[in-house]
Amino acid sequence: MFLRTLAKDMYRSQKEVEGLERQLVEADSSSEQEKVKGLLRQAKAELEQIRKVMEGRKEQSKASLYKPKSRFF
């Protein structure tokens, strides 16, 4: 369930970045470009955080496949 939520967040974040990149190309004034650049920087940072969490989650699940389970405590 956790990965599904992360995947949805990642998809939403990617679409937000793509939309902001389009806005940046279409921006007329330099002040509008600066505003969009700031929003784009934040959106890319959020997307990168989500990617890192997903990669960590994948690595963690891969590691658990190879880690022997201890039966005795």
C-alpha atoms as a PDB file:
ATOM      1  CA  MET A   1       0.000   0.000   0.000  1.00  0.00           C
ATOM      2  CA  PHE A   2       2.843   2.379   0.868  1.00  0.00           C
ATOM      3  CA  LEU A   3       4.477   1.944  -2.540  1.00  0.00           C
ATOM      4  CA  ARG A   4       1.196   2.628  -4.325  1.00  0.00           C
ATOM      5  CA  THR A   5       0.845   5.935  -2.499  1.00  0.00           C
ATOM      6  CA  LEU A   6       4.447   6.824  -3.307  1.00  0.00           C
ATOM      7  CA  ALA A   7       3.893   5.968  -6.957  1.00  0.00           C
ATOM      8  CA  LYS A   8       0.834   8.230  -7.085  1.00  0.00           C
ATOM      9  CA  ASP A   9       2.772  11.045  -5.426  1.00  0.00           C
ATOM     10  CA  MET A  10       5.637  10.560  -7.853  1.00  0.00           C
ATOM     11  CA  TYR A  11       3.288  10.673 -10.846  1.00  0.00           C
ATOM     12  CA  ARG A  12       1.622  13.838  -9.543  1.00  0.00           C
ATOM     13  CA  SER A  13       5.007  15.402  -8.907  1.00  0.00           C
ATOM     14  CA  GLN A  14       6.271  14.536 -12.392  1.00  0.00           C
ATOM     15  CA  LYS A  15       3.176  16.099 -13.963  1.00  0.00           C
ATOM     16  CA  GLU A  16       3.655  19.222 -11.848  1.00  0.00           C
ATOM     17  CA  VAL A  17       7.295  19.527 -12.986  1.00  0.00           C
ATOM     18  CA  GLU A  18       6.279  19.057 -16.627  1.00  0.00           C
ATOM     19  CA  GLY A  19       3.583  21.721 -16.306  1.00  0.00           C
ATOM     20  CA  LEU A  20       5.964  24.187 -14.690  1.00  0.00           C
ATOM     21  CA  GLU A  21       8.571  23.550 -17.395  1.00  0.00           C
ATOM     22  CA  ARG A  22       5.937  24.395 -20.027  1.00  0.00           C
ATOM     23  CA  GLN A  23       4.992  27.540 -18.103  1.00  0.00           C
ATOM     24  CA  LEU A  24       8.649  28.565 -17.965  1.00  0.00           C
ATOM     25  CA  VAL A  25       8.974  28.279 -21.744  1.00  0.00           C
ATOM     26  CA  GLU A  26       5.770  30.273 -22.261  1.00  0.00           C
ATOM     27  CA  ALA A  27       6.555  32.953 -19.649  1.00  0.00           C
ATOM     28  CA  ASP A  28       6.743  36.454 -21.089  1.00  0.00           C
ATOM     29  CA  SER A  29       8.333  38.643 -18.451  1.00  0.00           C
ATOM     30  CA  SER A  30      11.489  37.988 -16.481  1.00  0.00           C
ATOM     31  CA  SER A  31       9.625  38.382 -13.182  1.00  0.00           C
ATOM     32  CA  GLU A  32       7.175  35.681 -14.257  1.00  0.00           C
ATOM     33  CA  GLN A  33      10.089  33.453 -15.294  1.00  0.00           C
ATOM     34  CA  GLU A  34      11.746  33.910 -11.902  1.00  0.00           C
ATOM     35  CA  LYS A  35       8.510  33.023 -10.116  1.00  0.00           C
ATOM     36  CA  VAL A  36       8.081  29.871 -12.207  1.00  0.00           C
ATOM     37  CA  LYS A  37      11.765  28.959 -11.731  1.00  0.00           C
ATOM     38  CA  GLY A  38      11.300  29.081  -7.959  1.00  0.00           C
ATOM     39  CA  LEU A  39       8.221  26.874  -8.139  1.00  0.00           C
ATOM     40  CA  LEU A  40      10.013  24.515 -10.519  1.00  0.00           C
ATOM     41  CA  ARG A  41      12.999  24.252  -8.186  1.00  0.00           C
ATOM     42  CA  GLN A  42      10.688  23.282  -5.308  1.00  0.00           C
ATOM     43  CA  ALA A  43       8.765  20.775  -7.429  1.00  0.00           C
ATOM     44  CA  LYS A  44      11.989  19.133  -8.634  1.00  0.00           C
ATOM     45  CA  ALA A  45      13.264  18.883  -5.060  1.00  0.00           C
ATOM     46  CA  GLU A  46      10.015  17.218  -3.991  1.00  0.00           C
ATOM     47  CA  LEU A  47      10.216  14.799  -6.921  1.00  0.00           C
ATOM     48  CA  GLU A  48      13.807  13.931  -6.051  1.00  0.00           C
ATOM     49  CA  GLN A  49      12.831  13.242  -2.427  1.00  0.00           C
ATOM     50  CA  ILE A  50      10.074  10.903  -3.566  1.00  0.00           C
ATOM     51  CA  ARG A  51      12.508   9.118  -5.914  1.00  0.00           C
ATOM     52  CA  LYS A  52      14.999   8.638  -3.086  1.00  0.00           C
ATOM     53  CA  VAL A  53      12.317   7.231  -0.805  1.00  0.00           C
ATOM     54  CA  MET A  54      11.148   4.835  -3.514  1.00  0.00           C
ATOM     55  CA  GLU A  55      14.698   3.717  -4.287  1.00  0.00           C
ATOM     56  CA  GLY A  56      15.391   3.196  -0.598  1.00  0.00           C
ATOM     57  CA  ARG A  57      12.200   1.239  -0.267  1.00  0.00           C
ATOM     58  CA  LYS A  58      13.132  -0.951  -3.247  1.00  0.00           C
ATOM     59  CA  GLU A  59      16.653  -1.526  -1.904  1.00  0.00           C
ATOM     60  CA  GLN A  60      15.248  -2.387   1.502  1.00  0.00           C
ATOM     61  CA  SER A  61      12.873  -4.972   0.042  1.00  0.00           C
ATOM     62  CA  LYS A  62      15.663  -6.447  -2.124  1.00  0.00           C
ATOM     63  CA  ALA A  63      17.919  -6.738   0.912  1.00  0.00           C
ATOM     64  CA  SER A  64      15.213  -8.513   2.884  1.00  0.00           C
ATOM     65  CA  LEU A  65      15.005 -11.174   0.164  1.00  0.00           C
ATOM     66  CA  TYR A  66      18.629 -12.146   0.648  1.00  0.00           C
ATOM     67  CA  LYS A  67      18.889 -11.649   4.381  1.00  0.00           C
ATOM     68  CA  PRO A  68      18.609 -14.951   6.216  1.00  0.00           C
ATOM     69  CA  LYS A  69      15.841 -15.012   8.756  1.00  0.00           C
ATOM     70  CA  SER A  70      16.929 -15.904  12.256  1.00  0.00           C
ATOM     71  CA  ARG A  71      14.736 -18.455  13.953  1.00  0.00           C
ATOM     72  CA  PHE A  72      16.368 -18.181  17.339  1.00  0.00           C
ATOM     73  CA  PHE A  73      16.394 -15.079  19.479  1.00  0.00           C
END
